[in-house]
Amino acid sequence: MPDYKQYILENEQLYRDLWDSNEAFRQYSDAVYRYLDRMPRGHELRFEGYPMPQLQWIIWTCCIHMYSHGNQAEYCFKDDYTAYIHEKE
């Protein structure tokens, strides 16, 4: 099993720099972010099967999403970092 934890965003500036310099990333990240905002409670976004660089882009977007607008109260990564979860109420 891949080590998804290695892709956790440790420095938000890396995300901003990529956002500012890469149109493909910007469009992809925006689509992922909008999906996460609509993801029903109790569902998860699993990371397996995504190729690079989209895998890293998804995980970075999940990191940004989790710390935006107080989302850390409802969203988290699975303990093994294989998915991003919108927790049940």
PDB file of N, CA and C in Angstrom:
ATOM      1  N   MET A   1       0.845  -1.184   0.000  1.00  0.00           N
ATOM      2  CA  MET A   1       0.000   0.000   0.000  1.00  0.00           C
ATOM      3  C   MET A   1       0.888   1.245   0.000  1.00  0.00           C
ATOM      4  N   PRO A   2       0.579   2.199  -0.858  1.00  0.00           N
ATOM      5  CA  PRO A   2       1.371   3.437  -0.884  1.00  0.00           C
ATOM      6  C   PRO A   2       1.277   4.204   0.442  1.00  0.00           C
ATOM      7  N   ASP A   3       2.292   4.990   0.717  1.00  0.00           N
ATOM      8  CA  ASP A   3       2.316   5.831   1.911  1.00  0.00           C
ATOM      9  C   ASP A   3       1.750   7.203   1.550  1.00  0.00           C
ATOM     10  N   TYR A   4       0.436   7.343   1.685  1.00  0.00           N
ATOM     11  CA  TYR A   4      -0.225   8.598   1.317  1.00  0.00           C
ATOM     12  C   TYR A   4       0.144   9.741   2.253  1.00  0.00           C
ATOM     13  N   LYS A   5       0.555   9.417   3.457  1.00  0.00           N
ATOM     14  CA  LYS A   5       0.902  10.458   4.431  1.00  0.00           C
ATOM     15  C   LYS A   5       2.050  11.333   3.922  1.00  0.00           C
ATOM     16  N   GLN A   6       2.904  10.789   3.077  1.00  0.00           N
ATOM     17  CA  GLN A   6       4.029  11.566   2.564  1.00  0.00           C
ATOM     18  C   GLN A   6       3.581  12.763   1.727  1.00  0.00           C
ATOM     19  N   TYR A   7       2.331  12.759   1.271  1.00  0.00           N
ATOM     20  CA  TYR A   7       1.827  13.853   0.442  1.00  0.00           C
ATOM     21  C   TYR A   7       1.057  14.908   1.235  1.00  0.00           C
ATOM     22  N   ILE A   8       0.941  14.720   2.555  1.00  0.00           N
ATOM     23  CA  ILE A   8       0.237  15.713   3.371  1.00  0.00           C
ATOM     24  C   ILE A   8       0.971  17.046   3.264  1.00  0.00           C
ATOM     25  N   LEU A   9       0.225  18.076   3.048  1.00  0.00           N
ATOM     26  CA  LEU A   9       0.777  19.421   2.861  1.00  0.00           C
ATOM     27  C   LEU A   9       1.263  19.974   4.201  1.00  0.00           C
ATOM     28  N   GLU A  10       2.553  20.207   4.299  1.00  0.00           N
ATOM     29  CA  GLU A  10       3.148  20.736   5.530  1.00  0.00           C
ATOM     30  C   GLU A  10       3.340  22.248   5.482  1.00  0.00           C
ATOM     31  N   ASN A  11       3.286  22.806   4.279  1.00  0.00           N
ATOM     32  CA  ASN A  11       3.555  24.222   4.100  1.00  0.00           C
ATOM     33  C   ASN A  11       2.553  24.780   3.088  1.00  0.00           C
ATOM     34  N   GLU A  12       1.629  25.575   3.569  1.00  0.00           N
ATOM     35  CA  GLU A  12       0.573  26.107   2.708  1.00  0.00           C
ATOM     36  C   GLU A  12       1.123  26.932   1.547  1.00  0.00           C
ATOM     37  N   GLN A  13       2.297  27.501   1.711  1.00  0.00           N
ATOM     38  CA  GLN A  13       2.893  28.303   0.646  1.00  0.00           C
ATOM     39  C   GLN A  13       3.174  27.463  -0.602  1.00  0.00           C
ATOM     40  N   LEU A  14       3.493  26.184  -0.420  1.00  0.00           N
ATOM     41  CA  LEU A  14       3.706  25.298  -1.570  1.00  0.00           C
ATOM     42  C   LEU A  14       2.441  25.196  -2.412  1.00  0.00           C
ATOM     43  N   TYR A  15       1.302  25.095  -1.746  1.00  0.00           N
ATOM     44  CA  TYR A  15       0.014  25.059  -2.441  1.00  0.00           C
ATOM     45  C   TYR A  15      -0.208  26.372  -3.189  1.00  0.00           C
ATOM     46  N   ARG A  16       0.007  27.487  -2.516  1.00  0.00           N
ATOM     47  CA  ARG A  16      -0.192  28.805  -3.147  1.00  0.00           C
ATOM     48  C   ARG A  16       0.716  28.995  -4.358  1.00  0.00           C
ATOM     49  N   ASP A  17       1.971  28.576  -4.227  1.00  0.00           N
ATOM     50  CA  ASP A  17       2.909  28.723  -5.340  1.00  0.00           C
ATOM     51  C   ASP A  17       2.460  27.901  -6.546  1.00  0.00           C
ATOM     52  N   LEU A  18       2.021  26.664  -6.294  1.00  0.00           N
ATOM     53  CA  LEU A  18       1.545  25.827  -7.392  1.00  0.00           C
ATOM     54  C   LEU A  18       0.265  26.403  -7.983  1.00  0.00           C
ATOM     55  N   TRP A  19      -0.625  26.885  -7.133  1.00  0.00           N
ATOM     56  CA  TRP A  19      -1.872  27.520  -7.597  1.00  0.00           C
ATOM     57  C   TRP A  19      -1.572  28.695  -8.529  1.00  0.00           C
ATOM     58  N   ASP A  20      -0.602  29.503  -8.148  1.00  0.00           N
ATOM     59  CA  ASP A  20      -0.258  30.693  -8.934  1.00  0.00           C
ATOM     60  C   ASP A  20       0.457  30.369 -10.245  1.00  0.00           C
ATOM     61  N   SER A  21       1.111  29.219 -10.316  1.00  0.00           N
ATOM     62  CA  SER A  21       1.969  28.936 -11.474  1.00  0.00           C
ATOM     63  C   SER A  21       1.437  27.855 -12.409  1.00  0.00           C
ATOM     64  N   ASN A  22       0.363  27.168 -12.038  1.00  0.00           N
ATOM     65  CA  ASN A  22      -0.050  26.015 -12.831  1.00  0.00           C
ATOM     66  C   ASN A  22      -1.567  26.025 -13.033  1.00  0.00           C
ATOM     67  N   GLU A  23      -1.984  26.358 -14.234  1.00  0.00           N
ATOM     68  CA  GLU A  23      -3.408  26.444 -14.552  1.00  0.00           C
ATOM     69  C   GLU A  23      -4.103  25.089 -14.419  1.00  0.00           C
ATOM     70  N   ALA A  24      -3.454  24.014 -14.830  1.00  0.00           N
ATOM     71  CA  ALA A  24      -4.056  22.680 -14.713  1.00  0.00           C
ATOM     72  C   ALA A  24      -4.315  22.339 -13.247  1.00  0.00           C
ATOM     73  N   PHE A  25      -3.352  22.636 -12.380  1.00  0.00           N
ATOM     74  CA  PHE A  25      -3.543  22.410 -10.949  1.00  0.00           C
ATOM     75  C   PHE A  25      -4.693  23.249 -10.414  1.00  0.00           C
ATOM     76  N   ARG A  26      -4.738  24.492 -10.805  1.00  0.00           N
ATOM     77  CA  ARG A  26      -5.776  25.407 -10.321  1.00  0.00           C
ATOM     78  C   ARG A  26      -7.168  24.868 -10.670  1.00  0.00           C
ATOM     79  N   GLN A  27      -7.355  24.431 -11.902  1.00  0.00           N
ATOM     80  CA  GLN A  27      -8.651  23.908 -12.323  1.00  0.00           C
ATOM     81  C   GLN A  27      -8.983  22.604 -11.592  1.00  0.00           C
ATOM     82  N   TYR A  28      -8.006  21.723 -11.476  1.00  0.00           N
ATOM     83  CA  TYR A  28      -8.215  20.433 -10.815  1.00  0.00           C
ATOM     84  C   TYR A  28      -8.531  20.628  -9.341  1.00  0.00           C
ATOM     85  N   SER A  29      -7.739  21.448  -8.670  1.00  0.00           N
ATOM     86  CA  SER A  29      -7.928  21.690  -7.250  1.00  0.00           C
ATOM     87  C   SER A  29      -9.282  22.351  -6.982  1.00  0.00           C
ATOM     88  N   ASP A  30      -9.659  23.274  -7.824  1.00  0.00           N
ATOM     89  CA  ASP A  30     -10.956  23.939  -7.665  1.00  0.00           C
ATOM     90  C   ASP A  30     -12.096  22.928  -7.795  1.00  0.00           C
ATOM     91  N   ALA A  31     -12.004  22.020  -8.762  1.00  0.00           N
ATOM     92  CA  ALA A  31     -13.043  20.998  -8.941  1.00  0.00           C
ATOM     93  C   ALA A  31     -13.091  20.052  -7.738  1.00  0.00           C
ATOM     94  N   VAL A  32     -11.938  19.647  -7.231  1.00  0.00           N
ATOM     95  CA  VAL A  32     -11.890  18.773  -6.056  1.00  0.00           C
ATOM     96  C   VAL A  32     -12.483  19.492  -4.853  1.00  0.00           C
ATOM     97  N   TYR A  33     -12.110  20.738  -4.652  1.00  0.00           N
ATOM     98  CA  TYR A  33     -12.606  21.519  -3.509  1.00  0.00           C
ATOM     99  C   TYR A  33     -14.128  21.628  -3.546  1.00  0.00           C
ATOM    100  N   ARG A  34     -14.678  21.906  -4.721  1.00  0.00           N
ATOM    101  CA  ARG A  34     -16.133  22.014  -4.857  1.00  0.00           C
ATOM    102  C   ARG A  34     -16.795  20.666  -4.569  1.00  0.00           C
ATOM    103  N   TYR A  35     -16.174  19.573  -5.015  1.00  0.00           N
ATOM    104  CA  TYR A  35     -16.696  18.244  -4.712  1.00  0.00           C
ATOM    105  C   TYR A  35     -16.703  18.001  -3.203  1.00  0.00           C
ATOM    106  N   LEU A  36     -15.615  18.348  -2.528  1.00  0.00           N
ATOM    107  CA  LEU A  36     -15.527  18.133  -1.085  1.00  0.00           C
ATOM    108  C   LEU A  36     -16.597  18.924  -0.336  1.00  0.00           C
ATOM    109  N   ASP A  37     -16.883  20.116  -0.796  1.00  0.00           N
ATOM    110  CA  ASP A  37     -17.930  20.925  -0.163  1.00  0.00           C
ATOM    111  C   ASP A  37     -19.309  20.276  -0.279  1.00  0.00           C
ATOM    112  N   ARG A  38     -19.520  19.478  -1.314  1.00  0.00           N
ATOM    113  CA  ARG A  38     -20.824  18.833  -1.538  1.00  0.00           C
ATOM    114  C   ARG A  38     -20.862  17.380  -1.053  1.00  0.00           C
ATOM    115  N   MET A  39     -19.726  16.849  -0.626  1.00  0.00           N
ATOM    116  CA  MET A  39     -19.660  15.448  -0.224  1.00  0.00           C
ATOM    117  C   MET A  39     -20.557  15.218   1.000  1.00  0.00           C
ATOM    118  N   PRO A  40     -21.492  14.288   0.907  1.00  0.00           N
ATOM    119  CA  PRO A  40     -22.407  14.054   2.025  1.00  0.00           C
ATOM    120  C   PRO A  40     -21.684  13.520   3.268  1.00  0.00           C
ATOM    121  N   ARG A  41     -22.266  13.790   4.418  1.00  0.00           N
ATOM    122  CA  ARG A  41     -21.726  13.245   5.668  1.00  0.00           C
ATOM    123  C   ARG A  41     -21.688  11.721   5.584  1.00  0.00           C
ATOM    124  N   GLY A  42     -20.631  11.163   6.159  1.00  0.00           N
ATOM    125  CA  GLY A  42     -20.475   9.718   6.155  1.00  0.00           C
ATOM    126  C   GLY A  42     -19.783   9.176   4.919  1.00  0.00           C
ATOM    127  N   HIS A  43     -19.459  10.042   3.958  1.00  0.00           N
ATOM    128  CA  HIS A  43     -18.770   9.617   2.738  1.00  0.00           C
ATOM    129  C   HIS A  43     -17.293   9.965   2.834  1.00  0.00           C
ATOM    130  N   GLU A  44     -16.521   9.332   1.971  1.00  0.00           N
ATOM    131  CA  GLU A  44     -15.084   9.595   1.944  1.00  0.00           C
ATOM    132  C   GLU A  44     -14.579   9.638   0.511  1.00  0.00           C
ATOM    133  N   LEU A  45     -13.504  10.347   0.323  1.00  0.00           N
ATOM    134  CA  LEU A  45     -12.794  10.398  -0.946  1.00  0.00           C
ATOM    135  C   LEU A  45     -11.544   9.550  -0.768  1.00  0.00           C
ATOM    136  N   ARG A  46     -11.524   8.394  -1.427  1.00  0.00           N
ATOM    137  CA  ARG A  46     -10.392   7.472  -1.314  1.00  0.00           C
ATOM    138  C   ARG A  46      -9.316   7.864  -2.326  1.00  0.00           C
ATOM    139  N   PHE A  47      -8.061   7.706  -1.933  1.00  0.00           N
ATOM    140  CA  PHE A  47      -6.946   8.166  -2.755  1.00  0.00           C
ATOM    141  C   PHE A  47      -6.375   7.107  -3.698  1.00  0.00           C
ATOM    142  N   GLU A  48      -6.656   5.847  -3.444  1.00  0.00           N
ATOM    143  CA  GLU A  48      -6.044   4.801  -4.255  1.00  0.00           C
ATOM    144  C   GLU A  48      -6.483   4.903  -5.711  1.00  0.00           C
ATOM    145  N   GLY A  49      -5.555   4.628  -6.588  1.00  0.00           N
ATOM    146  CA  GLY A  49      -5.848   4.606  -8.012  1.00  0.00           C
ATOM    147  C   GLY A  49      -5.585   5.907  -8.753  1.00  0.00           C
ATOM    148  N   TYR A  50      -5.314   6.993  -8.046  1.00  0.00           N
ATOM    149  CA  TYR A  50      -5.030   8.253  -8.725  1.00  0.00           C
ATOM    150  C   TYR A  50      -3.556   8.287  -9.123  1.00  0.00           C
ATOM    151  N   PRO A  51      -3.268   8.677 -10.354  1.00  0.00           N
ATOM    152  CA  PRO A  51      -1.875   8.805 -10.788  1.00  0.00           C
ATOM    153  C   PRO A  51      -1.273  10.113 -10.283  1.00  0.00           C
ATOM    154  N   MET A  52       0.023  10.184 -10.317  1.00  0.00           N
ATOM    155  CA  MET A  52       0.693  11.449 -10.011  1.00  0.00           C
ATOM    156  C   MET A  52       0.592  12.324 -11.247  1.00  0.00           C
ATOM    157  N   PRO A  53       0.480  13.600 -11.196  1.00  0.00           N
ATOM    158  CA  PRO A  53       0.515  14.416  -9.998  1.00  0.00           C
ATOM    159  C   PRO A  53      -0.858  14.595  -9.347  1.00  0.00           C
ATOM    160  N   GLN A  54      -1.928  14.032  -9.962  1.00  0.00           N
ATOM    161  CA  GLN A  54      -3.273  14.256  -9.424  1.00  0.00           C
ATOM    162  C   GLN A  54      -3.412  13.753  -7.983  1.00  0.00           C
ATOM    163  N   LEU A  55      -2.727  12.678  -7.635  1.00  0.00           N
ATOM    164  CA  LEU A  55      -2.791  12.184  -6.260  1.00  0.00           C
ATOM    165  C   LEU A  55      -2.327  13.254  -5.278  1.00  0.00           C
ATOM    166  N   GLN A  56      -1.183  13.836  -5.557  1.00  0.00           N
ATOM    167  CA  GLN A  56      -0.673  14.892  -4.674  1.00  0.00           C
ATOM    168  C   GLN A  56      -1.613  16.097  -4.688  1.00  0.00           C
ATOM    169  N   TRP A  57      -2.137  16.449  -5.832  1.00  0.00           N
ATOM    170  CA  TRP A  57      -3.036  17.593  -5.935  1.00  0.00           C
ATOM    171  C   TRP A  57      -4.296  17.382  -5.098  1.00  0.00           C
ATOM    172  N   ILE A  58      -4.852  16.167  -5.139  1.00  0.00           N
ATOM    173  CA  ILE A  58      -6.054  15.869  -4.355  1.00  0.00           C
ATOM    174  C   ILE A  58      -5.756  15.970  -2.867  1.00  0.00           C
ATOM    175  N   ILE A  59      -4.669  15.364  -2.443  1.00  0.00           N
ATOM    176  CA  ILE A  59      -4.343  15.375  -1.012  1.00  0.00           C
ATOM    177  C   ILE A  59      -4.050  16.792  -0.543  1.00  0.00           C
ATOM    178  N   TRP A  60      -3.314  17.572  -1.323  1.00  0.00           N
ATOM    179  CA  TRP A  60      -3.055  18.966  -0.950  1.00  0.00           C
ATOM    180  C   TRP A  60      -4.369  19.744  -0.846  1.00  0.00           C
ATOM    181  N   THR A  61      -5.283  19.503  -1.778  1.00  0.00           N
ATOM    182  CA  THR A  61      -6.567  20.204  -1.749  1.00  0.00           C
ATOM    183  C   THR A  61      -7.370  19.791  -0.519  1.00  0.00           C
ATOM    184  N   CYS A  62      -7.319  18.526  -0.158  1.00  0.00           N
ATOM    185  CA  CYS A  62      -7.996  18.069   1.064  1.00  0.00           C
ATOM    186  C   CYS A  62      -7.411  18.775   2.286  1.00  0.00           C
ATOM    187  N   CYS A  63      -6.105  18.937   2.316  1.00  0.00           N
ATOM    188  CA  CYS A  63      -5.469  19.639   3.440  1.00  0.00           C
ATOM    189  C   CYS A  63      -5.968  21.075   3.527  1.00  0.00           C
ATOM    190  N   ILE A  64      -5.998  21.766   2.404  1.00  0.00           N
ATOM    191  CA  ILE A  64      -6.477  23.152   2.375  1.00  0.00           C
ATOM    192  C   ILE A  64      -7.952  23.196   2.767  1.00  0.00           C
ATOM    193  N   HIS A  65      -8.731  22.269   2.250  1.00  0.00           N
ATOM    194  CA  HIS A  65     -10.157  22.219   2.555  1.00  0.00           C
ATOM    195  C   HIS A  65     -10.399  22.000   4.045  1.00  0.00           C
ATOM    196  N   MET A  66      -9.661  21.087   4.647  1.00  0.00           N
ATOM    197  CA  MET A  66      -9.887  20.748   6.046  1.00  0.00           C
ATOM    198  C   MET A  66      -9.695  21.952   6.962  1.00  0.00           C
ATOM    199  N   TYR A  67      -8.752  22.812   6.626  1.00  0.00           N
ATOM    200  CA  TYR A  67      -8.465  23.959   7.483  1.00  0.00           C
ATOM    201  C   TYR A  67      -9.144  25.245   7.030  1.00  0.00           C
ATOM    202  N   SER A  68     -10.058  25.137   6.069  1.00  0.00           N
ATOM    203  CA  SER A  68     -10.817  26.298   5.602  1.00  0.00           C
ATOM    204  C   SER A  68     -12.189  26.328   6.260  1.00  0.00           C
ATOM    205  N   HIS A  69     -12.623  27.490   6.636  1.00  0.00           N
ATOM    206  CA  HIS A  69     -13.998  27.705   7.110  1.00  0.00           C
ATOM    207  C   HIS A  69     -14.400  26.757   8.241  1.00  0.00           C
ATOM    208  N   GLY A  70     -13.471  26.380   9.088  1.00  0.00           N
ATOM    209  CA  GLY A  70     -13.805  25.525  10.226  1.00  0.00           C
ATOM    210  C   GLY A  70     -14.126  24.086   9.871  1.00  0.00           C
ATOM    211  N   ASN A  71     -13.720  23.637   8.703  1.00  0.00           N
ATOM    212  CA  ASN A  71     -14.040  22.280   8.271  1.00  0.00           C
ATOM    213  C   ASN A  71     -13.406  21.193   9.126  1.00  0.00           C
ATOM    214  N   GLN A  72     -12.358  21.514   9.890  1.00  0.00           N
ATOM    215  CA  GLN A  72     -11.692  20.481  10.683  1.00  0.00           C
ATOM    216  C   GLN A  72     -12.627  19.878  11.724  1.00  0.00           C
ATOM    217  N   ALA A  73     -13.744  20.515  12.001  1.00  0.00           N
ATOM    218  CA  ALA A  73     -14.722  19.957  12.933  1.00  0.00           C
ATOM    219  C   ALA A  73     -15.528  18.821  12.294  1.00  0.00           C
ATOM    220  N   GLU A  74     -15.612  18.802  10.954  1.00  0.00           N
ATOM    221  CA  GLU A  74     -16.425  17.802  10.261  1.00  0.00           C
ATOM    222  C   GLU A  74     -15.634  16.862   9.360  1.00  0.00           C
ATOM    223  N   TYR A  75     -14.425  17.229   8.998  1.00  0.00           N
ATOM    224  CA  TYR A  75     -13.636  16.461   8.040  1.00  0.00           C
ATOM    225  C   TYR A  75     -12.330  16.010   8.675  1.00  0.00           C
ATOM    226  N   CYS A  76     -11.817  14.873   8.203  1.00  0.00           N
ATOM    227  CA  CYS A  76     -10.519  14.392   8.667  1.00  0.00           C
ATOM    228  C   CYS A  76      -9.973  13.365   7.680  1.00  0.00           C
ATOM    229  N   PHE A  77      -8.708  13.046   7.850  1.00  0.00           N
ATOM    230  CA  PHE A  77      -8.100  11.959   7.100  1.00  0.00           C
ATOM    231  C   PHE A  77      -8.294  10.670   7.883  1.00  0.00           C
ATOM    232  N   LYS A  78      -8.451   9.557   7.168  1.00  0.00           N
ATOM    233  CA  LYS A  78      -8.472   8.263   7.851  1.00  0.00           C
ATOM    234  C   LYS A  78      -7.145   8.086   8.568  1.00  0.00           C
ATOM    235  N   ASP A  79      -7.124   7.250   9.571  1.00  0.00           N
ATOM    236  CA  ASP A  79      -5.909   7.027  10.353  1.00  0.00           C
ATOM    237  C   ASP A  79      -4.724   6.591   9.493  1.00  0.00           C
ATOM    238  N   ASP A  80      -4.987   5.841   8.416  1.00  0.00           N
ATOM    239  CA  ASP A  80      -3.901   5.386   7.545  1.00  0.00           C
ATOM    240  C   ASP A  80      -3.708   6.303   6.322  1.00  0.00           C
ATOM    241  N   TYR A  81      -4.411   7.420   6.310  1.00  0.00           N
ATOM    242  CA  TYR A  81      -4.317   8.444   5.257  1.00  0.00           C
ATOM    243  C   TYR A  81      -4.704   7.936   3.869  1.00  0.00           C
ATOM    244  N   THR A  82      -5.538   6.930   3.796  1.00  0.00           N
ATOM    245  CA  THR A  82      -5.980   6.418   2.500  1.00  0.00           C
ATOM    246  C   THR A  82      -7.214   7.139   1.972  1.00  0.00           C
ATOM    247  N   ALA A  83      -7.813   8.012   2.790  1.00  0.00           N
ATOM    248  CA  ALA A  83      -9.026   8.702   2.375  1.00  0.00           C
ATOM    249  C   ALA A  83      -9.223   9.960   3.229  1.00  0.00           C
ATOM    250  N   TYR A  84     -10.055  10.832   2.703  1.00  0.00           N
ATOM    251  CA  TYR A  84     -10.501  12.050   3.369  1.00  0.00           C
ATOM    252  C   TYR A  84     -11.986  11.858   3.649  1.00  0.00           C
ATOM    253  N   ILE A  85     -12.410  12.077   4.878  1.00  0.00           N
ATOM    254  CA  ILE A  85     -13.740  11.707   5.327  1.00  0.00           C
ATOM    255  C   ILE A  85     -14.562  12.923   5.753  1.00  0.00           C
ATOM    256  N   HIS A  86     -15.808  12.947   5.342  1.00  0.00           N
ATOM    257  CA  HIS A  86     -16.788  13.877   5.907  1.00  0.00           C
ATOM    258  C   HIS A  86     -17.511  13.076   6.963  1.00  0.00           C
ATOM    259  N   GLU A  87     -17.198  13.343   8.213  1.00  0.00           N
ATOM    260  CA  GLU A  87     -17.683  12.515   9.314  1.00  0.00           C
ATOM    261  C   GLU A  87     -19.194  12.576   9.450  1.00  0.00           C
ATOM    262  N   LYS A  88     -19.742  11.497  10.008  1.00  0.00           N
ATOM    263  CA  LYS A  88     -21.168  11.449  10.303  1.00  0.00           C
ATOM    264  C   LYS A  88     -21.463  12.377  11.468  1.00  0.00           C
ATOM    265  N   GLU A  89     -22.696  12.817  11.559  1.00  0.00           N
ATOM    266  CA  GLU A  89     -23.103  13.687  12.679  1.00  0.00           C
ATOM    267  C   GLU A  89     -23.088  12.922  13.973  1.00  0.00           C
TER     268      GLU A  89
END
